[in-house]
Amino acid sequence: MTTKDPLPGKNLMLAACRGDVHNDDPLLRSASELAELHERRLGASREQADAIDHERARLVREIDHWVCVQLPPSLGAARVHTETIGAVVDRLGQFTACAFAALASGSKGELGDAWERLAELAIGYEDLKDEVSVGHRRLPGGP
C-alpha cells in the first residue's frame, strides 16, 4: 500500500484471511476476523450461525465506514459497483474458509472449485480496489 492507495492489495487481503496480519491496518484485521467467523460458521448450530452472522454484519458495516473515510470522492461519471468493499471482504473470508475446508476434506473436485472461486474474487477485489482508489468507480452509499 502506498499513500496513493488507501486499500490493501489482494495478496495482503488473502494473507489476512488466512490469519496472517502483521500490521495495524483495520481492513486487514477485519478481513481476518471475518474469515475466522466463516470458519466457525461451517460447523455451527443455527443459533450459533445467527450470532456469527450478526457479528459479520457489524464488521461489514465497520469496513464500509472506514473505506468511505479513506477514499477520495469518486469522479462525476464513475459507475456504481453492486457491492461495498465490506461485502466483498466478507465473501473473501467465506471463500477462504470454504477453500480450507475443501482442502481438509480431500475432495479434489471441491478443492479446485473452491480455490478457483477464491482466486477469481481476489482478482475482482483488486480491480475494484484500484478503480475506487482513483475515483473511477464508486461504492453504494459512498462518496
Protein backbone atom coordinates (compact mmCIF):
# COMPACT_ATOMS: atom_id res chain seq x y z
CA MET A 1 0.00 0.00 0.00
CA THR A 2 1.24 3.47 -0.84
CA THR A 3 -0.04 6.85 0.24
CA LYS A 4 -1.91 6.98 -3.09
CA ASP A 5 -3.52 3.59 -2.46
CA PRO A 6 -5.59 3.58 0.75
CA LEU A 7 -6.75 -0.04 0.41
CA PRO A 8 -4.55 -3.13 0.75
CA GLY A 9 -3.94 -5.28 -2.31
CA LYS A 10 -5.26 -8.78 -2.88
CA ASN A 11 -2.12 -10.53 -1.61
CA LEU A 12 -2.30 -8.78 1.76
CA MET A 13 -6.06 -9.36 1.88
CA LEU A 14 -5.68 -13.10 1.17
CA ALA A 15 -2.92 -13.35 3.79
CA ALA A 16 -5.21 -11.63 6.30
CA CYS A 17 -8.00 -14.08 5.51
CA ARG A 18 -5.53 -16.85 6.39
CA GLY A 19 -4.90 -15.12 9.74
CA ASP A 20 -1.57 -13.63 8.69
CA VAL A 21 -1.86 -9.97 9.74
CA HIS A 22 1.40 -8.23 10.63
CA ASN A 23 0.34 -4.61 10.66
CA ASP A 24 -2.30 -2.45 12.25
CA ASP A 25 -4.46 -1.97 9.14
CA PRO A 26 -8.13 -2.05 10.26
CA LEU A 27 -9.30 -3.53 6.95
CA LEU A 28 -6.85 -6.43 7.20
CA ARG A 29 -7.76 -7.09 10.84
CA SER A 30 -11.44 -7.15 9.92
CA ALA A 31 -10.78 -9.48 6.97
CA SER A 32 -9.02 -11.88 9.32
CA GLU A 33 -11.92 -11.74 11.78
CA LEU A 34 -14.47 -12.33 9.01
CA ALA A 35 -12.60 -15.39 7.73
CA GLU A 36 -12.42 -16.76 11.26
CA LEU A 37 -16.16 -16.20 11.71
CA HIS A 38 -16.90 -18.01 8.46
CA GLU A 39 -14.71 -20.90 9.56
CA ARG A 40 -16.62 -21.13 12.85
CA ARG A 41 -19.92 -20.89 10.97
CA LEU A 42 -19.17 -24.02 8.91
CA GLY A 43 -19.79 -26.25 11.92
CA ALA A 44 -22.17 -24.04 13.84
CA SER A 45 -25.69 -24.72 15.04
CA ARG A 46 -28.48 -22.46 13.72
CA GLU A 47 -28.39 -20.35 16.89
CA GLN A 48 -24.60 -20.02 16.72
CA ALA A 49 -24.79 -19.18 13.00
CA ASP A 50 -27.26 -16.37 13.75
CA ALA A 51 -24.89 -14.87 16.32
CA ILE A 52 -21.95 -15.22 13.90
CA ASP A 53 -23.97 -13.54 11.11
CA HIS A 54 -24.79 -10.65 13.43
CA GLU A 55 -21.07 -10.17 14.16
CA ARG A 56 -20.25 -10.42 10.44
CA ALA A 57 -22.80 -7.72 9.64
CA ARG A 58 -21.23 -5.46 12.26
CA LEU A 59 -17.77 -5.96 10.79
CA VAL A 60 -19.01 -5.31 7.25
CA ARG A 61 -20.57 -2.01 8.41
CA GLU A 62 -17.30 -1.04 10.13
CA ILE A 63 -15.32 -1.83 6.98
CA ASP A 64 -17.69 0.20 4.81
CA HIS A 65 -17.49 3.18 7.15
CA TRP A 66 -13.68 3.01 7.29
CA VAL A 67 -13.42 2.70 3.49
CA CYS A 68 -15.68 5.74 2.94
CA VAL A 69 -13.39 7.83 5.14
CA GLN A 70 -10.25 6.62 3.35
CA LEU A 71 -11.34 7.00 -0.26
CA PRO A 72 -11.23 10.20 -2.29
CA PRO A 73 -14.55 11.33 -3.76
CA SER A 74 -15.39 9.49 -6.97
CA LEU A 75 -15.49 11.24 -10.31
CA GLY A 76 -18.85 12.52 -11.51
CA ALA A 77 -19.10 9.90 -14.24
CA ALA A 78 -17.99 7.00 -12.01
CA ARG A 79 -20.25 3.98 -12.27
CA VAL A 80 -21.54 2.45 -9.06
CA HIS A 81 -20.38 -1.03 -8.09
CA THR A 82 -23.02 -3.51 -6.94
CA GLU A 83 -21.34 -4.33 -3.62
CA THR A 84 -19.50 -2.48 -0.92
CA ILE A 85 -15.90 -3.30 -0.05
CA GLY A 86 -17.19 -4.78 3.21
CA ALA A 87 -19.43 -7.23 1.32
CA VAL A 88 -16.54 -8.27 -0.94
CA VAL A 89 -14.20 -8.75 2.02
CA ASP A 90 -16.88 -10.82 3.77
CA ARG A 91 -17.10 -13.08 0.70
CA LEU A 92 -13.29 -13.33 0.58
CA GLY A 93 -13.45 -14.58 4.16
CA GLN A 94 -16.22 -17.03 3.26
CA PHE A 95 -14.40 -18.37 0.20
CA THR A 96 -11.16 -18.71 2.19
CA ALA A 97 -12.92 -20.73 4.88
CA CYS A 98 -14.55 -22.93 2.22
CA ALA A 99 -11.26 -23.45 0.38
CA PHE A 100 -9.51 -24.60 3.54
CA ALA A 101 -12.46 -26.83 4.46
CA ALA A 102 -12.24 -28.41 0.99
CA LEU A 103 -8.50 -28.87 1.47
CA ALA A 104 -9.15 -30.67 4.75
CA SER A 105 -11.86 -32.88 3.21
CA GLY A 106 -9.57 -34.20 0.49
CA SER A 107 -12.14 -33.83 -2.32
CA LYS A 108 -10.12 -32.77 -5.37
CA GLY A 109 -13.12 -31.53 -7.37
CA GLU A 110 -14.46 -29.49 -4.48
CA LEU A 111 -10.98 -28.20 -3.72
CA GLY A 112 -10.37 -26.98 -7.28
CA ASP A 113 -13.73 -25.21 -7.43
CA ALA A 114 -13.23 -23.56 -4.05
CA TRP A 115 -9.74 -22.26 -4.87
CA GLU A 116 -10.88 -21.03 -8.29
CA ARG A 117 -13.77 -19.05 -6.74
CA LEU A 118 -11.37 -17.56 -4.20
CA ALA A 119 -8.80 -16.62 -6.85
CA GLU A 120 -11.40 -15.01 -9.11
CA LEU A 121 -12.89 -13.00 -6.25
CA ALA A 122 -9.41 -11.87 -5.17
CA ILE A 123 -8.80 -10.54 -8.70
CA GLY A 124 -12.19 -8.84 -8.63
CA TYR A 125 -11.34 -7.24 -5.28
CA GLU A 126 -8.02 -5.98 -6.69
CA ASP A 127 -9.78 -4.46 -9.72
CA LEU A 128 -12.41 -2.81 -7.52
CA LYS A 129 -9.75 -1.51 -5.11
CA ASP A 130 -7.84 0.06 -7.99
CA GLU A 131 -10.94 1.64 -9.53
CA VAL A 132 -12.35 3.13 -6.32
CA SER A 133 -8.92 4.33 -5.17
CA VAL A 134 -8.66 6.64 -8.18
CA GLY A 135 -12.36 7.58 -8.30
CA HIS A 136 -13.25 5.70 -11.49
CA ARG A 137 -15.82 3.57 -9.68
CA ARG A 138 -17.96 4.42 -6.70
CA LEU A 139 -19.41 2.22 -3.99
CA PRO A 140 -23.05 2.01 -2.92
CA GLY A 141 -23.58 4.73 -0.32
CA GLY A 142 -20.03 6.01 -0.79
CA PRO A 143 -18.52 9.34 -1.72
